[in-house]
């Protein structure tokens, strides 16, 4: 997305992200996020920009040959998650073949039920994300 389209999205109130990189091919910069809000989550444009930055950040690690396990700050780990993501935990053998693992819940408890069809219109929270260093993951991150 170029800056002109980014400005038009901003003027129309459409969430969009503009990732600014230096003119050189090295990625030594940190793209800036501009918002008038103290908490960027309240600004849809800044929140989208942060999401793009996170994907770019994760992609750098995967391209360097690492698996990535990321969790929100409000996630508490009570045991080591590695047996689960590697498929070594009982009943979790298929997880070893997944390129990407993600946990989801709905921020609105009234909508977060298996019987509710309203969940489709709710804000979904992804608190834990595991990216395995595979061709599939690299393709997803590059998309």
N, C-alpha and C. Protein backbone atom coordinates (compact mmCIF):
# COMPACT_ATOMS: atom_id res chain seq x y z
N UNK A 1 0.85 -1.16 0.00
CA UNK A 1 0.00 0.00 0.00
C UNK A 1 0.90 1.23 0.00
N UNK A 2 0.59 2.19 -0.86
CA UNK A 2 1.39 3.41 -0.87
C UNK A 2 0.80 4.44 0.09
N UNK A 3 1.52 5.54 0.31
CA UNK A 3 1.09 6.52 1.30
C UNK A 3 -0.22 7.20 0.92
N UNK A 4 -0.45 7.41 -0.37
CA UNK A 4 -1.70 8.06 -0.80
C UNK A 4 -2.91 7.19 -0.44
N UNK A 5 -2.83 5.89 -0.73
CA UNK A 5 -3.93 5.00 -0.38
C UNK A 5 -4.08 4.88 1.13
N UNK A 6 -2.97 4.87 1.84
CA UNK A 6 -3.02 4.82 3.30
C UNK A 6 -3.76 6.04 3.84
N UNK A 7 -3.46 7.23 3.32
CA UNK A 7 -4.15 8.46 3.77
C UNK A 7 -5.65 8.38 3.46
N UNK A 8 -6.00 7.87 2.28
CA UNK A 8 -7.42 7.76 1.92
C UNK A 8 -8.14 6.80 2.87
N UNK A 9 -7.50 5.68 3.20
CA UNK A 9 -8.10 4.74 4.16
C UNK A 9 -8.29 5.42 5.51
N UNK A 10 -7.28 6.16 5.93
CA UNK A 10 -7.33 6.85 7.21
C UNK A 10 -8.47 7.87 7.23
N UNK A 11 -8.60 8.64 6.17
CA UNK A 11 -9.68 9.64 6.08
C UNK A 11 -11.05 8.99 6.10
N UNK A 12 -11.16 7.80 5.52
CA UNK A 12 -12.44 7.10 5.47
C UNK A 12 -12.70 6.26 6.72
N UNK A 13 -11.73 6.24 7.64
CA UNK A 13 -11.89 5.46 8.86
C UNK A 13 -11.70 3.97 8.66
N UNK A 14 -11.03 3.60 7.57
CA UNK A 14 -10.78 2.19 7.27
C UNK A 14 -9.43 1.80 7.87
N UNK A 15 -9.42 0.71 8.64
CA UNK A 15 -8.16 0.24 9.21
C UNK A 15 -7.19 -0.18 8.12
N UNK A 16 -6.02 0.39 8.13
CA UNK A 16 -5.00 0.07 7.13
C UNK A 16 -3.63 0.21 7.78
N UNK A 17 -2.65 -0.38 7.16
CA UNK A 17 -1.30 -0.32 7.70
C UNK A 17 -0.32 0.07 6.61
N UNK A 18 0.61 0.91 6.97
CA UNK A 18 1.69 1.32 6.07
C UNK A 18 2.98 0.99 6.78
N UNK A 19 3.71 0.02 6.26
CA UNK A 19 4.96 -0.40 6.85
C UNK A 19 6.08 0.38 6.17
N UNK A 20 6.75 1.22 6.94
CA UNK A 20 7.82 2.04 6.38
C UNK A 20 9.14 1.33 6.58
N UNK A 21 9.87 1.17 5.50
CA UNK A 21 11.17 0.52 5.55
C UNK A 21 12.21 1.48 5.00
N UNK A 22 13.47 1.29 5.35
CA UNK A 22 14.51 2.17 4.84
C UNK A 22 14.75 1.91 3.35
N UNK A 23 15.39 2.83 2.66
CA UNK A 23 15.64 2.63 1.24
C UNK A 23 16.66 1.53 0.96
N UNK A 24 17.40 1.11 1.97
CA UNK A 24 18.37 0.03 1.77
C UNK A 24 17.69 -1.30 2.04
N UNK A 25 18.23 -2.41 1.50
CA UNK A 25 17.58 -3.70 1.71
C UNK A 25 17.73 -4.25 3.13
N UNK A 26 18.54 -3.64 3.98
CA UNK A 26 18.67 -4.14 5.34
C UNK A 26 17.46 -3.72 6.15
N UNK A 27 17.05 -4.56 7.11
CA UNK A 27 15.87 -4.28 7.92
C UNK A 27 16.31 -3.88 9.32
N UNK A 28 17.11 -2.82 9.42
CA UNK A 28 17.62 -2.40 10.73
C UNK A 28 16.70 -1.40 11.41
N UNK A 29 15.67 -0.97 10.69
CA UNK A 29 14.77 0.03 11.26
C UNK A 29 13.67 -0.62 12.07
N UNK A 30 12.96 0.19 12.75
CA UNK A 30 11.71 -0.22 13.39
C UNK A 30 10.65 0.71 12.83
N UNK A 31 9.71 0.16 12.10
CA UNK A 31 8.67 0.99 11.50
C UNK A 31 7.88 1.67 12.59
N UNK A 32 7.53 2.92 12.37
CA UNK A 32 6.83 3.69 13.39
C UNK A 32 5.33 3.52 13.34
N UNK A 33 4.72 3.56 14.48
CA UNK A 33 3.26 3.54 14.58
C UNK A 33 2.84 4.88 15.16
N UNK A 34 1.98 5.56 14.46
CA UNK A 34 1.52 6.86 14.91
C UNK A 34 0.07 6.76 15.35
N UNK A 35 -0.20 7.23 16.55
CA UNK A 35 -1.57 7.25 17.06
C UNK A 35 -1.70 8.35 18.10
N UNK A 36 -2.89 8.92 18.20
CA UNK A 36 -3.14 9.93 19.24
C UNK A 36 -3.65 9.28 20.51
N UNK A 37 -3.94 7.97 20.46
CA UNK A 37 -4.42 7.24 21.63
C UNK A 37 -3.24 6.75 22.46
N UNK A 38 -3.43 6.66 23.76
CA UNK A 38 -2.37 6.11 24.62
C UNK A 38 -2.27 4.60 24.45
N UNK A 39 -3.39 3.94 24.22
CA UNK A 39 -3.42 2.50 24.04
C UNK A 39 -3.76 2.25 22.58
N UNK A 40 -2.80 1.71 21.81
CA UNK A 40 -2.98 1.61 20.36
C UNK A 40 -4.16 0.72 19.98
N UNK A 41 -4.62 -0.16 20.87
CA UNK A 41 -5.75 -1.04 20.55
C UNK A 41 -7.02 -0.24 20.28
N UNK A 42 -7.12 0.94 20.85
CA UNK A 42 -8.31 1.76 20.66
C UNK A 42 -8.31 2.49 19.32
N UNK A 43 -7.20 2.47 18.62
CA UNK A 43 -7.07 3.14 17.32
C UNK A 43 -6.97 2.04 16.26
N UNK A 44 -8.04 1.83 15.47
CA UNK A 44 -8.02 0.73 14.49
C UNK A 44 -6.84 0.80 13.52
N UNK A 45 -6.46 1.98 13.10
CA UNK A 45 -5.33 2.10 12.18
C UNK A 45 -4.03 1.67 12.86
N UNK A 46 -3.79 2.14 14.06
CA UNK A 46 -2.58 1.78 14.79
C UNK A 46 -2.57 0.29 15.13
N UNK A 47 -3.74 -0.26 15.47
CA UNK A 47 -3.82 -1.68 15.80
C UNK A 47 -3.48 -2.53 14.57
N UNK A 48 -3.97 -2.11 13.40
CA UNK A 48 -3.64 -2.82 12.16
C UNK A 48 -2.15 -2.71 11.87
N UNK A 49 -1.58 -1.53 12.08
CA UNK A 49 -0.15 -1.36 11.88
C UNK A 49 0.65 -2.27 12.81
N UNK A 50 0.23 -2.38 14.04
CA UNK A 50 0.92 -3.25 14.99
C UNK A 50 0.85 -4.70 14.54
N UNK A 51 -0.30 -5.11 14.01
CA UNK A 51 -0.43 -6.48 13.50
C UNK A 51 0.53 -6.76 12.36
N UNK A 52 0.67 -5.80 11.45
CA UNK A 52 1.61 -5.95 10.34
C UNK A 52 3.04 -6.03 10.86
N UNK A 53 3.37 -5.21 11.83
CA UNK A 53 4.71 -5.25 12.40
C UNK A 53 5.00 -6.59 13.08
N UNK A 54 4.00 -7.14 13.76
CA UNK A 54 4.19 -8.43 14.42
C UNK A 54 4.46 -9.52 13.39
N UNK A 55 3.72 -9.52 12.29
CA UNK A 55 3.94 -10.51 11.24
C UNK A 55 5.34 -10.36 10.67
N UNK A 56 5.76 -9.13 10.42
CA UNK A 56 7.10 -8.88 9.88
C UNK A 56 8.16 -9.37 10.87
N UNK A 57 7.95 -9.10 12.14
CA UNK A 57 8.87 -9.52 13.19
C UNK A 57 8.97 -11.04 13.24
N UNK A 58 7.82 -11.73 13.24
CA UNK A 58 7.81 -13.18 13.27
C UNK A 58 8.47 -13.76 12.03
N UNK A 59 8.22 -13.13 10.88
CA UNK A 59 8.79 -13.62 9.63
C UNK A 59 10.32 -13.60 9.66
N UNK A 60 10.89 -12.59 10.28
CA UNK A 60 12.35 -12.50 10.39
C UNK A 60 12.90 -13.71 11.14
N UNK A 61 12.25 -14.10 12.22
CA UNK A 61 12.70 -15.26 12.99
C UNK A 61 12.54 -16.56 12.21
N UNK A 62 11.40 -16.72 11.55
CA UNK A 62 11.16 -17.95 10.78
C UNK A 62 12.18 -18.05 9.65
N UNK A 63 12.43 -16.94 8.95
CA UNK A 63 13.42 -16.97 7.87
C UNK A 63 14.82 -17.29 8.39
N UNK A 64 15.07 -16.96 9.64
CA UNK A 64 16.38 -17.25 10.24
C UNK A 64 16.47 -18.70 10.73
N UNK A 65 15.37 -19.46 10.56
CA UNK A 65 15.41 -20.87 10.91
C UNK A 65 14.79 -21.24 12.24
N UNK A 66 14.12 -20.30 12.89
CA UNK A 66 13.53 -20.56 14.21
C UNK A 66 12.05 -20.87 14.10
N UNK A 67 11.54 -21.64 15.06
CA UNK A 67 10.11 -21.71 15.32
C UNK A 67 9.79 -20.53 16.23
N UNK A 68 8.56 -20.05 16.18
CA UNK A 68 8.16 -18.89 17.00
C UNK A 68 6.97 -19.28 17.86
N UNK A 69 7.09 -19.05 19.15
CA UNK A 69 5.97 -19.20 20.07
C UNK A 69 5.75 -17.83 20.70
N UNK A 70 4.60 -17.23 20.42
CA UNK A 70 4.30 -15.89 20.93
C UNK A 70 3.00 -15.95 21.72
N UNK A 71 2.97 -15.20 22.80
CA UNK A 71 1.73 -15.12 23.59
C UNK A 71 1.52 -13.69 24.05
N UNK A 72 0.26 -13.36 24.25
CA UNK A 72 -0.09 -12.04 24.77
C UNK A 72 0.47 -11.89 26.19
N UNK A 73 0.60 -10.65 26.62
CA UNK A 73 1.12 -10.40 27.96
C UNK A 73 0.21 -10.92 29.07
N UNK A 74 -1.07 -11.07 28.78
CA UNK A 74 -1.99 -11.53 29.81
C UNK A 74 -2.14 -13.06 29.83
N UNK A 75 -1.30 -13.77 29.08
CA UNK A 75 -1.29 -15.23 29.11
C UNK A 75 -0.34 -15.68 30.22
N UNK A 76 -0.80 -16.61 31.02
CA UNK A 76 0.03 -17.19 32.07
C UNK A 76 0.30 -18.65 31.73
N UNK A 77 1.58 -18.99 31.64
CA UNK A 77 1.96 -20.36 31.35
C UNK A 77 2.09 -21.12 32.68
N UNK A 78 1.32 -22.18 32.84
CA UNK A 78 1.41 -22.98 34.07
C UNK A 78 2.25 -24.23 33.87
N UNK A 79 2.55 -24.56 32.61
CA UNK A 79 3.50 -25.63 32.32
C UNK A 79 4.12 -25.39 30.95
N UNK A 80 5.15 -26.10 30.69
CA UNK A 80 5.91 -25.99 29.44
C UNK A 80 5.02 -26.38 28.25
N UNK A 81 4.82 -25.50 27.26
CA UNK A 81 3.95 -25.82 26.13
C UNK A 81 4.61 -26.69 25.06
N UNK A 82 5.91 -26.89 25.15
CA UNK A 82 6.60 -27.61 24.07
C UNK A 82 6.08 -29.02 23.82
N UNK A 83 5.71 -29.82 24.83
CA UNK A 83 5.16 -31.14 24.51
C UNK A 83 3.88 -31.07 23.67
N UNK A 84 3.13 -30.00 23.82
CA UNK A 84 1.90 -29.85 23.03
C UNK A 84 2.22 -29.47 21.59
N UNK A 85 3.05 -28.46 21.41
CA UNK A 85 3.31 -27.98 20.04
C UNK A 85 4.16 -28.97 19.24
N UNK A 86 4.90 -29.84 19.92
CA UNK A 86 5.68 -30.85 19.21
C UNK A 86 4.92 -32.15 19.02
N UNK A 87 3.70 -32.22 19.57
CA UNK A 87 2.88 -33.42 19.43
C UNK A 87 3.27 -34.55 20.35
N UNK A 88 4.07 -34.27 21.35
CA UNK A 88 4.49 -35.31 22.29
C UNK A 88 3.51 -35.52 23.44
N UNK A 89 2.63 -34.56 23.68
CA UNK A 89 1.63 -34.72 24.74
C UNK A 89 0.59 -35.75 24.28
N UNK A 90 0.06 -36.49 25.22
CA UNK A 90 -0.92 -37.54 24.92
C UNK A 90 -2.09 -36.99 24.13
N UNK A 91 -2.40 -37.64 23.02
CA UNK A 91 -3.53 -37.23 22.19
C UNK A 91 -3.26 -36.06 21.27
N UNK A 92 -2.06 -35.52 21.29
CA UNK A 92 -1.75 -34.33 20.50
C UNK A 92 -0.78 -34.61 19.34
N UNK A 93 -0.66 -35.85 18.91
CA UNK A 93 0.32 -36.23 17.91
C UNK A 93 0.14 -35.48 16.59
N UNK A 94 -1.08 -35.17 16.19
CA UNK A 94 -1.30 -34.47 14.93
C UNK A 94 -0.76 -33.04 14.94
N UNK A 95 -0.63 -32.45 16.12
CA UNK A 95 -0.10 -31.08 16.19
C UNK A 95 1.32 -30.98 15.66
N UNK A 96 2.06 -32.08 15.70
CA UNK A 96 3.44 -32.07 15.20
C UNK A 96 3.49 -31.82 13.70
N UNK A 97 2.38 -31.99 13.00
CA UNK A 97 2.34 -31.83 11.55
C UNK A 97 1.78 -30.48 11.11
N UNK A 98 1.36 -29.67 12.05
CA UNK A 98 0.76 -28.37 11.72
C UNK A 98 1.85 -27.32 11.51
N UNK A 99 1.67 -26.49 10.50
CA UNK A 99 2.59 -25.37 10.27
C UNK A 99 2.35 -24.27 11.29
N UNK A 100 1.08 -24.02 11.58
CA UNK A 100 0.68 -22.92 12.47
C UNK A 100 -0.32 -23.44 13.48
N UNK A 101 -0.12 -23.10 14.75
CA UNK A 101 -1.07 -23.40 15.81
C UNK A 101 -1.51 -22.07 16.42
N UNK A 102 -2.80 -21.93 16.68
CA UNK A 102 -3.29 -20.68 17.26
C UNK A 102 -4.42 -20.96 18.23
N UNK A 103 -4.41 -20.25 19.34
CA UNK A 103 -5.54 -20.35 20.27
C UNK A 103 -6.46 -19.17 19.99
N UNK A 104 -7.73 -19.40 20.15
CA UNK A 104 -8.68 -18.30 19.95
C UNK A 104 -9.74 -18.35 21.03
N UNK A 105 -10.22 -17.20 21.36
CA UNK A 105 -11.42 -17.08 22.18
C UNK A 105 -12.10 -15.78 21.78
N UNK A 106 -13.26 -15.58 22.29
CA UNK A 106 -14.02 -14.38 21.97
C UNK A 106 -14.02 -13.48 23.19
N UNK A 107 -13.71 -12.22 22.98
CA UNK A 107 -13.57 -11.29 24.10
C UNK A 107 -14.87 -11.07 24.85
N UNK A 108 -16.00 -11.35 24.25
CA UNK A 108 -17.30 -11.18 24.88
C UNK A 108 -17.78 -12.54 25.40
N UNK A 109 -17.81 -12.72 26.72
CA UNK A 109 -18.17 -14.02 27.30
C UNK A 109 -19.56 -14.49 26.89
N UNK A 110 -20.49 -13.57 26.70
CA UNK A 110 -21.84 -13.98 26.32
C UNK A 110 -21.86 -14.62 24.94
N UNK A 111 -20.93 -14.22 24.07
CA UNK A 111 -20.89 -14.78 22.72
C UNK A 111 -19.96 -16.00 22.63
N UNK A 112 -19.14 -16.23 23.64
CA UNK A 112 -18.13 -17.28 23.59
C UNK A 112 -18.71 -18.62 24.04
N UNK A 113 -19.70 -19.10 23.30
CA UNK A 113 -20.30 -20.39 23.60
C UNK A 113 -20.40 -21.20 22.32
N UNK A 114 -20.35 -22.51 22.44
CA UNK A 114 -20.44 -23.38 21.27
C UNK A 114 -21.83 -23.33 20.65
N UNK A 115 -22.83 -22.95 21.42
CA UNK A 115 -24.20 -22.95 20.93
C UNK A 115 -24.58 -21.64 20.23
N UNK A 116 -23.72 -20.67 20.30
CA UNK A 116 -24.06 -19.36 19.76
C UNK A 116 -23.56 -19.22 18.32
N UNK A 117 -24.44 -18.76 17.46
CA UNK A 117 -24.05 -18.43 16.09
C UNK A 117 -23.55 -16.99 16.01
N UNK A 118 -23.76 -16.22 17.07
CA UNK A 118 -23.37 -14.81 17.06
C UNK A 118 -21.87 -14.61 17.11
N UNK A 119 -21.10 -15.68 17.41
CA UNK A 119 -19.65 -15.55 17.52
C UNK A 119 -19.04 -15.05 16.23
N UNK A 120 -19.71 -15.28 15.11
CA UNK A 120 -19.17 -14.83 13.81
C UNK A 120 -19.00 -13.32 13.76
N UNK A 121 -19.75 -12.60 14.56
CA UNK A 121 -19.71 -11.14 14.53
C UNK A 121 -18.94 -10.56 15.71
N UNK A 122 -18.30 -11.40 16.47
CA UNK A 122 -17.59 -10.96 17.66
C UNK A 122 -16.11 -10.75 17.36
N UNK A 123 -15.46 -10.02 18.25
CA UNK A 123 -14.03 -9.81 18.16
C UNK A 123 -13.32 -11.05 18.69
N UNK A 124 -12.49 -11.66 17.85
CA UNK A 124 -11.79 -12.88 18.22
C UNK A 124 -10.40 -12.52 18.71
N UNK A 125 -10.02 -13.10 19.82
CA UNK A 125 -8.71 -12.85 20.43
C UNK A 125 -7.81 -14.06 20.18
N UNK A 126 -6.63 -13.82 19.66
CA UNK A 126 -5.64 -14.89 19.49
C UNK A 126 -4.53 -14.64 20.48
N UNK A 127 -4.58 -15.33 21.61
CA UNK A 127 -3.64 -15.07 22.69
C UNK A 127 -2.33 -15.82 22.59
N UNK A 128 -2.34 -16.96 21.87
CA UNK A 128 -1.13 -17.77 21.73
C UNK A 128 -1.00 -18.16 20.26
N UNK A 129 0.21 -18.03 19.74
CA UNK A 129 0.49 -18.35 18.34
C UNK A 129 1.81 -19.10 18.26
N UNK A 130 1.81 -20.23 17.54
CA UNK A 130 3.03 -20.99 17.30
C UNK A 130 3.23 -21.10 15.80
N UNK A 131 4.38 -20.67 15.33
CA UNK A 131 4.73 -20.73 13.91
C UNK A 131 5.91 -21.68 13.76
N UNK A 132 5.69 -22.77 13.06
CA UNK A 132 6.76 -23.73 12.83
C UNK A 132 7.56 -23.28 11.60
N UNK A 133 8.85 -23.45 11.64
CA UNK A 133 9.72 -23.06 10.53
C UNK A 133 9.55 -24.06 9.37
N UNK A 134 8.51 -23.81 8.55
CA UNK A 134 8.21 -24.67 7.41
C UNK A 134 7.94 -23.81 6.19
N UNK A 135 7.92 -24.45 5.02
CA UNK A 135 7.58 -23.72 3.79
C UNK A 135 6.16 -23.16 3.88
N UNK A 136 5.24 -23.91 4.48
CA UNK A 136 3.87 -23.44 4.62
C UNK A 136 3.77 -22.19 5.46
N UNK A 137 4.50 -22.15 6.57
CA UNK A 137 4.49 -20.96 7.42
C UNK A 137 5.12 -19.77 6.70
N UNK A 138 6.23 -20.01 6.01
CA UNK A 138 6.87 -18.90 5.28
C UNK A 138 5.93 -18.35 4.21
N UNK A 139 5.19 -19.22 3.53
CA UNK A 139 4.23 -18.76 2.52
C UNK A 139 3.11 -17.94 3.17
N UNK A 140 2.63 -18.39 4.31
CA UNK A 140 1.57 -17.65 5.00
C UNK A 140 2.05 -16.28 5.42
N UNK A 141 3.25 -16.21 6.00
CA UNK A 141 3.77 -14.92 6.46
C UNK A 141 4.08 -13.97 5.32
N UNK A 142 4.41 -14.51 4.17
CA UNK A 142 4.73 -13.66 3.02
C UNK A 142 3.48 -13.17 2.30
N UNK A 143 2.34 -13.82 2.56
CA UNK A 143 1.09 -13.47 1.85
C UNK A 143 0.56 -12.11 2.27
